[in-house]
Amino acid sequence: MSSRTISTLHRIENFILGDKNMRLASYNVENLFSRAKAMNLGDWAEGKPILDKFGKLSSLLGEHVYSAAMKRRMVELLIELGLEKSDSNSFVILRQNRGSLVKRPKTGGLEIVAEGRADWVGSLELTPAPVDEEAMRNTARVLIELQADVLAVVEAENRPALAAFNADIVGSLGVTPYARVMLIDGNDARGIDVGLLTGQNFPVGNMRSHVDDRSADGQLIFSRDCPEYELALPSGNRLLVLINHLKSKGYGSQASSNARRRLQAERIKAIYENLVAQGEQHVAIVGDFNDTPGSAALAPLLQHTDLKDAFEHPAFDDGGYPGTYGSCNASNKIDYLLLSPTLFAKVEAGGVLRKGMWPGVRPKRWEVYEELEKPQNAGSDHAAVWVNIDL
């Protein structure tokens, strides 16, 4: 570790342990120890069709009754996913723990033998692949440099993985890990959840999950969850943080994914307005919303509530780029810190940390860690976003 890095880490640790206004941040960590192999390919054009077929088949497998047309489509998708002769391959695993979904006659082909979801116990999963070790450390460097008191994380596998990353990887870089780690498992079978890390002076109080919230037609609303975390602040105030990872555009039809994000935004709006009606003033809705500020899908939150996007605050510095993902152009602005009016009025500074993202080659679009030498070393393809709030 360079002397410059050690000096920076010591400065950060002193900062974390000292008195300061609260720093709230959000960061999509893209899984910490393992990630679906189909999502980890160098060329997104290779992985996207796999994820698309995986999503379609997962949806069909969840149906209560399998019609003849559904069975035919299931067979087509299983073959396209390379599962005609085996329950697993490099990218996908079909687990048939009890009962049977498919049979493979000796004469060849596939046959769906289950009549519905209740006839078999198992799952369709994406094959995991280890994350690059330097990428993990660069993720940790972002967490350290953020100096956050309250940090929302997106795409963490589970609480044990997040806690181990905090203790073993963040701690190995010479600073005190975050004091508290919390994560509630959500609806995504791939292990893509949202969680929370907080400092010593920011204990987590009441928690509420919305993992079972359903639409009028019985559909689960949230792709992951929209957990509410209550935090007791040193000042005596209370902060409510709602963390989100809305429906991705990565697979499924665009119309379907847009409609799902809209449904999620409408539900978050209702949750927020209910909290305000109960007298809550310090509310933050944060995370990866997978859509841009002008999108119709996010309009319920961004246009039809009094929530304010931290990017719009005069004290917020976007670092010269309007986006938070990939090339960080305006069309890549998908990560948010939405603040209630009371919180927004108390923002003193804010910004975007891109040092863990691949910056391109010539010219590099932003400064990165010296250990980020190739795209595989990137801590994430998302930037971290943060605000300092005087509470």
Protein backbone atom coordinates (compact mmCIF):
# COMPACT_ATOMS: atom_id res chain seq x y z
CA MET A 1 0.00 0.00 0.00
CA SER A 2 1.42 3.39 -0.95
CA SER A 3 2.27 6.01 1.68
CA ARG A 4 -0.29 8.31 0.02
CA THR A 5 -3.00 5.67 0.44
CA ILE A 6 -2.06 5.04 4.09
CA SER A 7 -2.17 8.76 4.81
CA THR A 8 -5.58 9.05 3.17
CA LEU A 9 -6.93 6.08 5.14
CA HIS A 10 -5.70 7.52 8.44
CA ARG A 11 -7.31 10.84 7.61
CA ILE A 12 -10.58 9.09 6.76
CA GLU A 13 -10.56 7.03 9.96
CA ASN A 14 -10.00 10.13 12.05
CA PHE A 15 -12.84 11.81 10.17
CA ILE A 16 -15.18 8.87 10.81
CA LEU A 17 -14.44 8.87 14.53
CA GLY A 18 -14.74 12.63 14.93
CA ASP A 19 -17.69 15.03 15.08
CA LYS A 20 -19.28 16.04 11.81
CA ASN A 21 -22.59 16.43 10.05
CA MET A 22 -24.21 13.27 8.80
CA ARG A 23 -23.08 11.92 5.45
CA LEU A 24 -25.69 9.84 3.59
CA ALA A 25 -24.57 7.83 0.56
CA SER A 26 -25.74 5.16 -1.87
CA TYR A 27 -23.62 2.74 -3.89
CA ASN A 28 -24.41 -0.18 -6.19
CA VAL A 29 -21.66 -2.64 -5.24
CA GLU A 30 -22.61 -5.21 -7.92
CA ASN A 31 -22.32 -8.19 -5.57
CA LEU A 32 -19.29 -8.44 -3.34
CA PHE A 33 -17.92 -11.97 -3.55
CA SER A 34 -19.75 -13.61 -6.43
CA ARG A 35 -21.83 -12.49 -9.35
CA ALA A 36 -23.85 -14.34 -11.95
CA LYS A 37 -21.44 -15.45 -14.67
CA ALA A 38 -23.86 -14.22 -17.34
CA MET A 39 -23.67 -10.74 -15.76
CA ASN A 40 -19.89 -10.85 -15.52
CA LEU A 41 -19.01 -11.29 -19.20
CA GLY A 42 -16.81 -8.70 -20.85
CA ASP A 43 -19.39 -8.11 -23.58
CA TRP A 44 -22.91 -7.27 -22.32
CA ALA A 45 -24.31 -8.43 -25.69
CA GLU A 46 -23.34 -11.99 -24.69
CA GLY A 47 -24.95 -11.92 -21.27
CA LYS A 48 -28.16 -10.06 -22.04
CA PRO A 49 -29.86 -12.86 -24.07
CA ILE A 50 -29.13 -15.34 -21.26
CA LEU A 51 -30.66 -13.04 -18.66
CA ASP A 52 -33.63 -12.38 -20.91
CA LYS A 53 -34.39 -16.09 -21.35
CA PHE A 54 -33.72 -16.73 -17.65
CA GLY A 55 -36.26 -14.06 -16.70
CA LYS A 56 -38.92 -15.38 -19.05
CA LEU A 57 -38.49 -18.98 -17.89
CA SER A 58 -38.45 -17.97 -14.20
CA SER A 59 -41.74 -16.15 -14.70
CA LEU A 60 -43.36 -19.17 -16.36
CA LEU A 61 -42.09 -21.56 -13.68
CA GLY A 62 -43.78 -19.47 -11.01
CA GLU A 63 -47.26 -19.98 -12.48
CA HIS A 64 -49.73 -21.97 -10.39
CA VAL A 65 -50.94 -24.01 -13.39
CA TYR A 66 -48.90 -24.87 -16.49
CA SER A 67 -51.00 -24.82 -19.65
CA ALA A 68 -49.98 -26.76 -22.76
CA ALA A 69 -48.78 -23.53 -24.38
CA MET A 70 -46.72 -22.67 -21.29
CA LYS A 71 -45.11 -26.10 -21.32
CA ARG A 72 -44.13 -25.74 -24.97
CA ARG A 73 -42.57 -22.36 -24.26
CA MET A 74 -40.75 -23.74 -21.20
CA VAL A 75 -39.21 -26.47 -23.34
CA GLU A 76 -38.10 -23.91 -25.92
CA LEU A 77 -36.47 -21.73 -23.25
CA LEU A 78 -34.78 -24.68 -21.52
CA ILE A 79 -33.24 -25.71 -24.84
CA GLU A 80 -32.17 -22.13 -25.63
CA LEU A 81 -30.53 -21.94 -22.20
CA GLY A 82 -28.58 -25.13 -22.92
CA LEU A 83 -30.48 -27.33 -20.46
CA GLU A 84 -31.76 -29.91 -22.93
CA LYS A 85 -29.45 -32.70 -21.71
CA SER A 86 -28.49 -31.59 -18.22
CA ASP A 87 -29.79 -29.52 -15.29
CA SER A 88 -26.74 -27.27 -15.32
CA ASN A 89 -24.21 -25.56 -17.55
CA SER A 90 -21.80 -22.64 -17.37
CA PHE A 91 -24.56 -20.07 -16.95
CA VAL A 92 -27.74 -21.66 -15.54
CA ILE A 93 -28.70 -24.30 -12.95
CA LEU A 94 -32.09 -26.00 -12.71
CA ARG A 95 -32.55 -27.50 -9.25
CA GLN A 96 -35.21 -30.20 -8.93
CA ASN A 97 -35.06 -30.98 -5.22
CA ARG A 98 -38.37 -32.80 -4.80
CA GLY A 99 -40.77 -33.87 -7.50
CA SER A 100 -39.85 -33.29 -11.13
CA LEU A 101 -40.27 -30.40 -13.50
CA VAL A 102 -38.78 -32.10 -16.56
CA LYS A 103 -37.93 -35.55 -17.82
CA ARG A 104 -35.47 -36.35 -20.57
CA PRO A 105 -36.58 -39.47 -22.48
CA LYS A 106 -33.83 -41.76 -23.77
CA THR A 107 -35.10 -41.06 -27.24
CA GLY A 108 -34.15 -37.42 -26.75
CA GLY A 109 -35.89 -34.13 -26.11
CA LEU A 110 -37.53 -32.63 -23.04
CA GLU A 111 -40.90 -33.15 -21.42
CA ILE A 112 -42.48 -30.92 -18.77
CA VAL A 113 -44.12 -33.35 -16.36
CA ALA A 114 -45.18 -30.94 -13.60
CA GLU A 115 -48.70 -29.53 -13.92
CA GLY A 116 -47.93 -26.42 -11.87
CA ARG A 117 -45.57 -24.85 -9.35
CA ALA A 118 -46.89 -26.93 -6.47
CA ASP A 119 -45.85 -30.19 -8.19
CA TRP A 120 -42.12 -29.70 -7.71
CA VAL A 121 -39.72 -28.09 -5.26
CA GLY A 122 -36.67 -26.42 -6.72
CA SER A 123 -35.43 -23.32 -8.47
CA LEU A 124 -33.85 -21.87 -11.58
CA GLU A 125 -30.57 -20.14 -10.74
CA LEU A 126 -27.80 -18.28 -12.49
CA THR A 127 -24.38 -19.90 -12.11
CA PRO A 128 -22.15 -17.69 -9.94
CA ALA A 129 -18.58 -16.67 -10.75
CA PRO A 130 -16.02 -15.17 -8.35
CA VAL A 131 -15.49 -11.42 -8.50
CA ASP A 132 -12.00 -10.17 -9.39
CA GLU A 133 -10.03 -9.73 -6.13
CA GLU A 134 -8.78 -6.27 -7.03
CA ALA A 135 -12.35 -5.32 -7.94
CA MET A 136 -13.41 -6.26 -4.41
CA ARG A 137 -10.68 -4.09 -2.95
CA ASN A 138 -11.65 -1.20 -5.21
CA THR A 139 -15.23 -1.56 -4.00
CA ALA A 140 -13.88 -1.35 -0.47
CA ARG A 141 -11.80 1.72 -1.34
CA VAL A 142 -14.96 3.47 -2.50
CA LEU A 143 -16.74 2.59 0.75
CA ILE A 144 -13.78 3.93 2.72
CA GLU A 145 -13.38 7.13 0.74
CA LEU A 146 -17.10 7.89 0.97
CA GLN A 147 -16.68 8.53 4.72
CA ALA A 148 -20.41 7.84 5.07
CA ASP A 149 -22.29 7.62 8.34
CA VAL A 150 -25.23 5.98 6.61
CA LEU A 151 -24.52 4.00 3.45
CA ALA A 152 -27.17 2.24 1.36
CA VAL A 153 -25.76 -0.61 -0.71
CA VAL A 154 -27.39 -2.17 -3.77
CA GLU A 155 -26.69 -5.65 -5.19
CA ALA A 156 -25.29 -7.27 -2.07
CA GLU A 157 -25.79 -11.05 -1.87
CA ASN A 158 -26.97 -11.36 1.73
CA ARG A 159 -26.20 -10.08 5.21
CA PRO A 160 -23.40 -12.60 6.00
CA ALA A 161 -21.65 -11.70 2.72
CA LEU A 162 -22.03 -7.97 3.38
CA ALA A 163 -20.81 -8.36 6.96
CA ALA A 164 -17.81 -10.44 5.85
CA PHE A 165 -16.93 -7.90 3.17
CA ASN A 166 -17.13 -5.10 5.74
CA ALA A 167 -14.97 -6.91 8.29
CA ASP A 168 -12.50 -8.73 6.05
CA ILE A 169 -12.03 -6.52 2.98
CA VAL A 170 -12.74 -3.02 4.30
CA GLY A 171 -10.97 -3.88 7.56
CA SER A 172 -7.93 -5.29 5.72
CA LEU A 173 -7.28 -1.89 4.13
CA GLY A 174 -6.36 -0.36 7.45
CA VAL A 175 -9.52 1.38 8.67
CA THR A 176 -12.23 0.59 11.18
CA PRO A 177 -15.12 -1.19 9.40
CA TYR A 178 -18.65 0.13 9.59
CA ALA A 179 -20.17 -0.57 13.00
CA ARG A 180 -23.48 -2.00 11.82
CA VAL A 181 -24.58 -4.12 8.88
CA MET A 182 -28.19 -4.84 8.01
CA LEU A 183 -29.87 -6.54 5.05
CA ILE A 184 -33.32 -8.04 4.59
CA ASP A 185 -33.57 -10.71 1.89
CA GLY A 186 -35.78 -9.64 -1.01
CA ASN A 187 -37.60 -11.22 -3.92
CA ASP A 188 -34.70 -11.66 -6.36
CA ALA A 189 -33.71 -15.34 -6.57
CA ARG A 190 -30.28 -14.32 -7.92
CA GLY A 191 -29.27 -12.89 -4.55
CA ILE A 192 -29.39 -9.25 -5.54
CA ASP A 193 -30.54 -7.42 -2.41
CA VAL A 194 -30.28 -3.99 -0.81
CA GLY A 195 -28.70 -3.33 2.56
CA LEU A 196 -27.38 -0.73 4.98
CA LEU A 197 -24.05 0.07 6.64
CA THR A 198 -23.88 2.64 9.44
CA GLY A 199 -21.30 4.20 11.73
CA GLN A 200 -21.01 3.77 15.47
CA ASN A 201 -23.20 6.77 16.31
CA PHE A 202 -26.04 5.78 13.99
CA PRO A 203 -27.88 2.76 15.44
CA VAL A 204 -30.59 1.05 13.41
CA GLY A 205 -33.96 1.11 15.13
CA ASN A 206 -37.24 -0.18 13.74
CA MET A 207 -37.21 -1.88 10.35
CA ARG A 208 -40.09 -2.58 8.01
CA SER A 209 -39.99 -4.76 4.90
CA HIS A 210 -42.26 -4.35 1.88
CA VAL A 211 -41.13 -7.60 0.29
CA ASP A 212 -44.71 -8.94 0.25
CA ASP A 213 -46.44 -5.81 -1.06
CA ARG A 214 -48.67 -6.79 -3.98
CA SER A 215 -50.57 -5.03 -6.71
CA ALA A 216 -54.34 -5.26 -7.14
CA ASP A 217 -53.90 -8.35 -9.35
CA GLY A 218 -51.73 -10.11 -6.77
CA GLN A 219 -48.35 -9.41 -8.39
CA LEU A 220 -45.36 -8.85 -6.13
CA ILE A 221 -44.48 -5.19 -6.56
CA PHE A 222 -40.81 -5.00 -5.66
CA SER A 223 -38.11 -6.81 -7.62
CA ARG A 224 -36.02 -6.85 -4.45
CA ASP A 225 -37.62 -4.96 -1.54
CA CYS A 226 -38.21 -1.42 -0.34
CA PRO A 227 -37.04 -1.73 3.28
CA GLU A 228 -37.58 1.13 5.71
CA TYR A 229 -34.76 1.68 8.21
CA GLU A 230 -35.22 3.98 11.18
CA LEU A 231 -31.98 5.56 12.41
CA ALA A 232 -31.51 7.40 15.69
CA LEU A 233 -29.25 10.41 15.10
CA PRO A 234 -26.81 11.87 17.66
CA SER A 235 -28.81 15.12 17.55
CA GLY A 236 -31.93 13.33 18.79
CA ASN A 237 -33.62 13.50 15.40
CA ARG A 238 -34.81 10.41 13.58
CA LEU A 239 -34.01 9.57 9.97
CA LEU A 240 -35.96 7.13 7.81
CA VAL A 241 -34.06 5.62 4.88
CA LEU A 242 -35.89 3.62 2.18
CA ILE A 243 -33.52 1.70 -0.10
CA ASN A 244 -34.51 0.63 -3.58
CA HIS A 245 -33.29 -1.26 -6.63
CA LEU A 246 -36.07 -0.91 -9.16
CA LYS A 247 -36.79 -3.23 -12.07
CA SER A 248 -33.89 -3.48 -14.50
CA LYS A 249 -34.07 -2.86 -18.23
CA GLY A 250 -31.66 -5.77 -18.67
CA TYR A 251 -34.15 -8.43 -19.73
CA GLY A 252 -37.81 -8.76 -20.57
CA SER A 253 -39.67 -6.42 -22.89
CA GLN A 254 -39.11 -2.69 -22.48
CA ALA A 255 -42.83 -2.06 -22.08
CA SER A 256 -43.06 -4.68 -19.34
CA SER A 257 -40.04 -3.39 -17.42
CA ASN A 258 -41.23 0.22 -17.73
CA ALA A 259 -44.64 -0.76 -16.38
CA ARG A 260 -43.06 -2.64 -13.48
CA ARG A 261 -40.85 0.33 -12.52
CA ARG A 262 -43.88 2.61 -12.71
CA LEU A 263 -45.80 0.29 -10.39
CA GLN A 264 -42.86 0.29 -7.97
CA ALA A 265 -42.54 4.09 -8.09
CA GLU A 266 -46.25 4.47 -7.37
CA ARG A 267 -45.97 2.17 -4.35
CA ILE A 268 -42.91 4.02 -3.00
CA LYS A 269 -44.82 7.29 -3.42
CA ALA A 270 -47.69 5.88 -1.34
CA ILE A 271 -45.30 4.65 1.37
CA TYR A 272 -43.58 8.05 1.48
CA GLU A 273 -46.81 10.02 1.65
CA ASN A 274 -48.04 7.78 4.46
CA LEU A 275 -44.85 8.50 6.44
CA VAL A 276 -45.28 12.24 5.89
CA ALA A 277 -48.91 12.00 7.02
CA GLN A 278 -47.64 10.40 10.24
CA GLY A 279 -45.44 13.43 10.86
CA GLU A 280 -42.09 12.17 9.55
CA GLN A 281 -39.92 15.00 8.23
CA HIS A 282 -36.52 13.36 7.70
CA VAL A 283 -37.08 10.81 4.93
CA ALA A 284 -34.60 9.71 2.25
CA ILE A 285 -35.46 7.37 -0.65
CA VAL A 286 -32.24 6.17 -2.21
CA GLY A 287 -30.70 3.57 -4.50
CA ASP A 288 -30.52 2.41 -8.11
CA PHE A 289 -33.79 3.26 -9.86
CA ASN A 290 -32.69 1.93 -13.29
CA ASP A 291 -34.20 4.88 -15.15
CA THR A 292 -33.58 8.54 -15.91
CA PRO A 293 -35.11 11.63 -14.26
CA GLY A 294 -37.40 12.41 -17.19
CA SER A 295 -38.81 8.91 -17.55
CA ALA A 296 -42.52 8.25 -17.28
CA ALA A 297 -41.79 5.28 -15.01
CA LEU A 298 -40.26 7.47 -12.30
CA ALA A 299 -42.74 10.33 -12.66
CA PRO A 300 -44.81 9.29 -9.60
CA LEU A 301 -41.74 9.88 -7.42
CA LEU A 302 -39.89 12.65 -9.21
CA GLN A 303 -42.79 14.74 -10.48
CA HIS A 304 -45.74 13.98 -8.20
CA THR A 305 -44.23 14.21 -4.71
CA ASP A 306 -42.33 16.93 -2.85
CA LEU A 307 -39.18 14.77 -2.82
CA LYS A 308 -36.06 16.55 -4.10
CA ASP A 309 -33.21 14.94 -6.05
CA ALA A 310 -29.90 15.76 -4.35
CA PHE A 311 -28.39 16.39 -7.81
CA GLU A 312 -30.55 19.51 -8.03
CA HIS A 313 -29.14 21.11 -4.88
CA PRO A 314 -26.88 24.14 -5.50
CA ALA A 315 -24.21 22.60 -3.24
CA PHE A 316 -24.11 19.32 -5.20
CA ASP A 317 -21.10 18.74 -7.48
CA ASP A 318 -21.61 16.12 -10.20
CA GLY A 319 -17.91 16.15 -11.11
CA GLY A 320 -18.57 17.35 -14.63
CA TYR A 321 -20.76 14.44 -15.67
CA PRO A 322 -24.55 14.24 -15.20
CA GLY A 323 -24.75 10.44 -14.99
CA THR A 324 -23.93 7.74 -12.44
CA TYR A 325 -23.52 4.60 -14.57
CA GLY A 326 -21.29 3.44 -17.43
CA SER A 327 -20.07 6.48 -19.35
CA CYS A 328 -21.97 8.79 -16.93
CA ASN A 329 -23.78 10.69 -19.67
CA ALA A 330 -27.23 12.13 -18.96
CA SER A 331 -28.84 8.93 -20.26
CA ASN A 332 -26.92 7.03 -17.56
CA LYS A 333 -28.28 8.93 -14.56
CA ILE A 334 -29.97 6.08 -12.67
CA ASP A 335 -28.74 6.35 -9.04
CA TYR A 336 -30.59 8.66 -6.68
CA LEU A 337 -30.71 10.35 -3.31
CA LEU A 338 -34.27 11.66 -3.01
CA LEU A 339 -34.75 13.82 0.07
CA SER A 340 -37.80 15.16 1.87
CA PRO A 341 -37.98 18.98 1.80
CA THR A 342 -36.68 19.27 5.38
CA LEU A 343 -33.64 17.13 4.57
CA PHE A 344 -33.02 18.88 1.25
CA ALA A 345 -32.98 22.27 2.99
CA LYS A 346 -30.22 21.03 5.30
CA VAL A 347 -27.86 19.73 2.60
CA GLU A 348 -24.45 21.41 2.89
CA ALA A 349 -22.52 19.50 0.20
CA GLY A 350 -22.87 16.55 -2.12
CA GLY A 351 -21.13 14.77 -4.92
CA VAL A 352 -20.40 11.73 -7.05
CA LEU A 353 -17.47 9.36 -6.41
CA ARG A 354 -16.36 7.65 -9.64
CA LYS A 355 -12.85 6.50 -8.68
CA GLY A 356 -13.91 2.85 -8.61
CA MET A 357 -15.41 2.95 -12.14
CA TRP A 358 -13.59 2.14 -15.36
CA PRO A 359 -12.86 5.56 -16.94
CA GLY A 360 -12.31 4.52 -20.55
CA VAL A 361 -8.89 4.61 -22.22
CA ARG A 362 -8.11 7.78 -24.19
CA PRO A 363 -8.74 10.13 -22.62
CA LYS A 364 -9.71 8.84 -19.18
CA ARG A 365 -12.97 10.47 -18.20
CA TRP A 366 -12.19 10.71 -14.48
CA GLU A 367 -9.51 9.97 -11.88
CA VAL A 368 -9.40 6.37 -10.64
CA TYR A 369 -7.53 4.38 -8.03
CA GLU A 370 -4.03 3.41 -9.12
CA GLU A 371 -4.99 -0.25 -8.64
CA LEU A 372 -7.74 0.00 -11.28
CA GLU A 373 -5.69 -1.12 -14.29
CA LYS A 374 -8.31 -2.86 -16.45
CA PRO A 375 -12.13 -3.02 -16.68
CA GLN A 376 -12.26 -6.23 -14.62
CA ASN A 377 -10.70 -4.34 -11.68
CA ALA A 378 -13.61 -1.87 -11.46
CA GLY A 379 -15.32 -1.86 -8.09
CA SER A 380 -18.62 -1.30 -9.92
CA ASP A 381 -19.94 0.19 -13.14
CA HIS A 382 -21.93 2.58 -10.94
CA ALA A 383 -20.69 5.68 -9.17
CA ALA A 384 -21.39 6.29 -5.51
CA VAL A 385 -23.46 9.36 -4.62
CA TRP A 386 -23.40 11.25 -1.31
CA VAL A 387 -24.64 14.30 0.58
CA ASN A 388 -23.66 15.99 3.84
CA ILE A 389 -26.72 16.99 5.86
CA ASP A 390 -26.74 19.30 8.89
CA LEU A 391 -29.01 17.51 11.34
